[in-house]
Protein backbone atom coordinates (compact mmCIF):
# COMPACT_ATOMS: atom_id res chain seq x y z
CA UNK A 1 0.00 0.00 0.00
CA UNK A 2 1.32 3.43 -0.96
CA UNK A 3 0.52 6.42 1.22
CA UNK A 4 0.31 9.53 -0.93
CA UNK A 5 -0.12 12.29 1.65
CA UNK A 6 -0.63 14.83 -1.12
CA UNK A 7 -1.67 18.28 0.06
CA UNK A 8 -4.05 18.81 -2.86
CA UNK A 9 -6.40 16.47 -4.67
CA UNK A 10 -6.11 18.27 -7.97
CA UNK A 11 -4.02 20.96 -9.66
CA UNK A 12 -5.75 23.05 -12.32
CA UNK A 13 -3.64 23.92 -15.37
CA UNK A 14 -5.08 26.37 -17.91
CA UNK A 15 -4.38 29.17 -20.37
CA UNK A 16 -5.01 32.68 -19.08
CA UNK A 17 -7.98 33.45 -21.43
CA UNK A 18 -9.87 30.58 -19.78
CA UNK A 19 -9.36 31.76 -16.20
CA UNK A 20 -13.01 32.68 -15.51
CA UNK A 21 -14.33 29.34 -16.77
CA UNK A 22 -11.72 27.41 -14.82
CA UNK A 23 -12.49 29.36 -11.65
CA UNK A 24 -16.14 28.27 -11.88
CA UNK A 25 -15.00 24.65 -12.06
CA UNK A 26 -12.54 25.23 -9.21
CA UNK A 27 -15.28 26.68 -7.03
CA UNK A 28 -17.59 23.72 -7.73
CA UNK A 29 -14.88 21.17 -6.91
CA UNK A 30 -13.90 23.05 -3.77
CA UNK A 31 -17.50 23.36 -2.61
CA UNK A 32 -18.07 19.60 -2.84
CA UNK A 33 -14.98 18.92 -0.76
CA UNK A 34 -11.98 18.51 -3.06
CA UNK A 35 -8.69 20.15 -2.12
CA UNK A 36 -8.06 22.27 -5.20
CA UNK A 37 -4.90 24.14 -6.21
CA UNK A 38 -5.88 27.09 -8.38
CA UNK A 39 -3.26 29.77 -8.90
CA UNK A 40 -5.64 32.73 -8.64
CA UNK A 41 -6.44 31.63 -5.08
CA UNK A 42 -3.01 30.48 -4.03
CA UNK A 43 -0.25 32.69 -5.44
CA UNK A 44 1.23 35.04 -2.85
CA UNK A 45 2.56 38.50 -3.85
CA UNK A 46 6.32 38.76 -3.52
CA UNK A 47 6.91 35.01 -3.90
CA UNK A 48 8.29 33.46 -7.10
CA UNK A 49 5.28 32.15 -9.00
CA UNK A 50 7.41 29.63 -10.91
CA UNK A 51 8.70 28.08 -7.68
CA UNK A 52 5.21 28.12 -6.13
CA UNK A 53 3.65 26.38 -9.14
CA UNK A 54 6.37 23.72 -9.25
CA UNK A 55 5.89 23.02 -5.53
CA UNK A 56 2.11 22.85 -6.00
CA UNK A 57 2.51 20.36 -8.86
CA UNK A 58 4.58 18.13 -6.61
CA UNK A 59 1.99 18.42 -3.84
CA UNK A 60 -1.04 17.55 -6.01
CA UNK A 61 -2.43 14.05 -6.44
CA UNK A 62 -3.55 14.66 -10.02
CA UNK A 63 -3.48 17.46 -12.58
CA UNK A 64 -6.36 18.61 -14.77
CA UNK A 65 -5.25 20.24 -18.02
CA UNK A 66 -8.00 22.54 -19.32
CA UNK A 67 -8.37 22.82 -23.08
CA UNK A 68 -10.16 25.95 -24.27
CA UNK A 69 -10.41 27.89 -27.51
CA UNK A 70 -6.89 29.31 -27.10
CA UNK A 71 -3.70 27.29 -27.67
CA UNK A 72 -1.97 25.92 -24.60
CA UNK A 73 0.34 28.50 -23.06
CA UNK A 74 4.06 27.77 -22.78
CA UNK A 75 3.75 27.44 -19.01
CA UNK A 76 0.75 25.13 -19.34
CA UNK A 77 2.81 22.90 -21.63
CA UNK A 78 5.56 22.91 -19.02
CA UNK A 79 3.06 21.91 -16.33
CA UNK A 80 1.83 18.79 -18.07
CA UNK A 81 5.33 17.86 -19.24
CA UNK A 82 6.52 18.13 -15.62
CA UNK A 83 3.60 15.92 -14.58
CA UNK A 84 4.53 13.32 -17.19
CA UNK A 85 8.07 13.28 -15.81
CA UNK A 86 6.75 12.82 -12.27
CA UNK A 87 4.74 9.83 -13.49
CA UNK A 88 8.01 8.00 -14.06
CA UNK A 89 8.57 7.88 -10.30
CA UNK A 90 4.87 7.47 -9.51
CA UNK A 91 3.27 5.47 -12.32
CA UNK A 92 -0.18 5.58 -10.72
CA UNK A 93 -0.29 9.36 -10.83
CA UNK A 94 -2.58 10.48 -13.63
CA UNK A 95 -3.36 13.50 -15.77
CA UNK A 96 -6.88 14.41 -16.86
CA UNK A 97 -7.82 16.73 -19.70
CA UNK A 98 -10.90 18.93 -19.40
CA UNK A 99 -12.56 20.16 -22.59
CA UNK A 100 -14.10 23.61 -22.10
CA UNK A 101 -16.95 25.10 -24.20
CA UNK A 102 -15.73 26.03 -27.66
CA UNK A 103 -12.89 23.52 -27.69
CA UNK A 104 -12.64 20.43 -29.88
CA UNK A 105 -10.93 17.09 -29.42
CA UNK A 106 -8.44 18.25 -32.06
CA UNK A 107 -7.42 21.03 -29.65
CA UNK A 108 -5.90 18.41 -27.34
CA UNK A 109 -2.13 18.01 -27.83
CA UNK A 110 -1.22 14.64 -29.31
CA UNK A 111 0.61 13.59 -26.13
CA UNK A 112 -2.60 14.04 -24.12
CA UNK A 113 -5.18 12.53 -26.47
CA UNK A 114 -5.05 9.09 -24.89
CA UNK A 115 -5.77 10.46 -21.43
CA UNK A 116 -9.13 10.56 -19.67
CA UNK A 117 -11.25 13.47 -20.95
CA UNK A 118 -13.78 15.38 -18.88
CA UNK A 119 -16.15 16.89 -21.44
CA UNK A 120 -17.59 20.27 -20.45
CA UNK A 121 -18.17 21.45 -24.01
CA UNK A 122 -21.94 21.50 -23.43
CA UNK A 123 -21.55 23.74 -20.39
CA UNK A 124 -19.61 24.28 -17.18
CA UNK A 125 -22.65 23.20 -15.16
CA UNK A 126 -22.43 19.63 -16.47
CA UNK A 127 -22.27 18.02 -13.04
CA UNK A 128 -22.41 14.54 -14.56
CA UNK A 129 -19.02 15.16 -16.17
CA UNK A 130 -17.63 17.02 -13.15
CA UNK A 131 -18.56 14.02 -10.99
CA UNK A 132 -16.27 11.92 -13.17
CA UNK A 133 -13.30 13.85 -11.76
CA UNK A 134 -14.17 12.55 -8.30
CA UNK A 135 -14.69 9.03 -9.64
CA UNK A 136 -11.30 9.09 -11.35
CA UNK A 137 -9.62 10.16 -8.11
CA UNK A 138 -11.41 7.30 -6.34
CA UNK A 139 -10.05 4.83 -8.90
CA UNK A 140 -6.56 6.27 -8.50
CA UNK A 141 -6.62 5.72 -4.74
CA UNK A 142 -7.98 2.21 -5.27
CA UNK A 143 -5.17 1.38 -7.71
CA UNK A 144 -2.66 2.56 -5.12
CA UNK A 145 -4.16 0.32 -2.45
CA UNK A 146 -5.39 3.26 -0.37
CA UNK A 147 -8.81 1.70 -0.05
CA UNK A 148 -10.18 3.90 2.72
CA UNK A 149 -9.54 6.97 0.56
CA UNK A 150 -11.01 5.25 -2.49
CA UNK A 151 -14.24 4.64 -0.58
CA UNK A 152 -14.25 8.25 0.64
CA UNK A 153 -14.24 9.59 -2.93
CA UNK A 154 -16.65 7.00 -4.31
CA UNK A 155 -19.08 7.85 -1.51
CA UNK A 156 -18.72 11.53 -2.40
CA UNK A 157 -19.52 10.68 -6.03
CA UNK A 158 -22.43 8.49 -4.89
CA UNK A 159 -23.95 11.37 -2.95
CA UNK A 160 -23.75 13.61 -6.01
CA UNK A 161 -25.32 10.92 -8.22
CA UNK A 162 -28.20 10.69 -5.74
CA UNK A 163 -28.66 14.47 -5.78
CA UNK A 164 -28.70 14.42 -9.59
CA UNK A 165 -31.14 11.48 -9.60
CA UNK A 166 -28.59 9.74 -11.81
CA UNK A 167 -29.81 6.16 -11.30
CA UNK A 168 -27.20 4.50 -13.50
CA UNK A 169 -24.47 6.59 -11.92
CA UNK A 170 -25.70 5.58 -8.48
CA UNK A 171 -25.55 1.89 -9.41
CA UNK A 172 -22.04 2.32 -10.81
CA UNK A 173 -20.81 4.03 -7.64
CA UNK A 174 -22.37 1.32 -5.45
CA UNK A 175 -20.50 -1.25 -7.52
CA UNK A 176 -17.29 0.77 -7.14
CA UNK A 177 -17.64 0.77 -3.35
CA UNK A 178 -18.51 -2.93 -3.30
CA UNK A 179 -15.42 -3.70 -5.37
CA UNK A 180 -13.19 -1.77 -2.98
CA UNK A 181 -14.60 -3.62 0.03
CA UNK A 182 -14.05 -6.90 -1.81
CA UNK A 183 -10.40 -5.99 -2.45
CA UNK A 184 -10.16 -4.99 1.21
CA UNK A 185 -11.21 -8.46 2.31
CA UNK A 186 -14.56 -7.30 3.69
CA UNK A 187 -17.06 -9.53 1.85
CA UNK A 188 -20.09 -8.63 3.97
CA UNK A 189 -19.78 -4.92 3.21
CA UNK A 190 -19.02 -5.72 -0.44
CA UNK A 191 -22.15 -7.87 -0.74
CA UNK A 192 -24.28 -5.12 0.80
CA UNK A 193 -23.26 -2.61 -1.88
CA UNK A 194 -23.38 -5.13 -4.71
CA UNK A 195 -26.93 -6.04 -3.69
CA UNK A 196 -28.02 -2.40 -3.73
CA UNK A 197 -26.50 -1.96 -7.19
CA UNK A 198 -28.21 -5.15 -8.41
CA UNK A 199 -31.59 -3.92 -7.17
CA UNK A 200 -31.17 -0.73 -9.20
CA UNK A 201 -30.14 -2.71 -12.28
CA UNK A 202 -33.27 -4.86 -11.94
CA UNK A 203 -35.44 -1.75 -11.62
CA UNK A 204 -33.91 -0.30 -14.78
CA UNK A 205 -34.60 -3.54 -16.66
CA UNK A 206 -38.25 -3.38 -15.58
CA UNK A 207 -38.51 0.20 -16.85
CA UNK A 208 -37.05 -0.77 -20.22
Foldseek 3Di string as FASTA:
>chain_A
DDDQQFPFAEEEFEDPVCLVLVVVLVVVCVVLPGRYHDPVPDDDPPDDPVVVLVVNLSRYQEYEYEFEQDAHDPVSVVSVVVVVVVCVVVVLRFYEYEYAAPDDLVSDPPVCSVGHYQYQNVHSPPVVSSLVSLLSSLVSCVVVVVLVVSLVSLVSSLVVCVVVVVLLSNLVSLQSNLVSCVVVVNNVSSVVSNVVSVVSVVVVVVVD
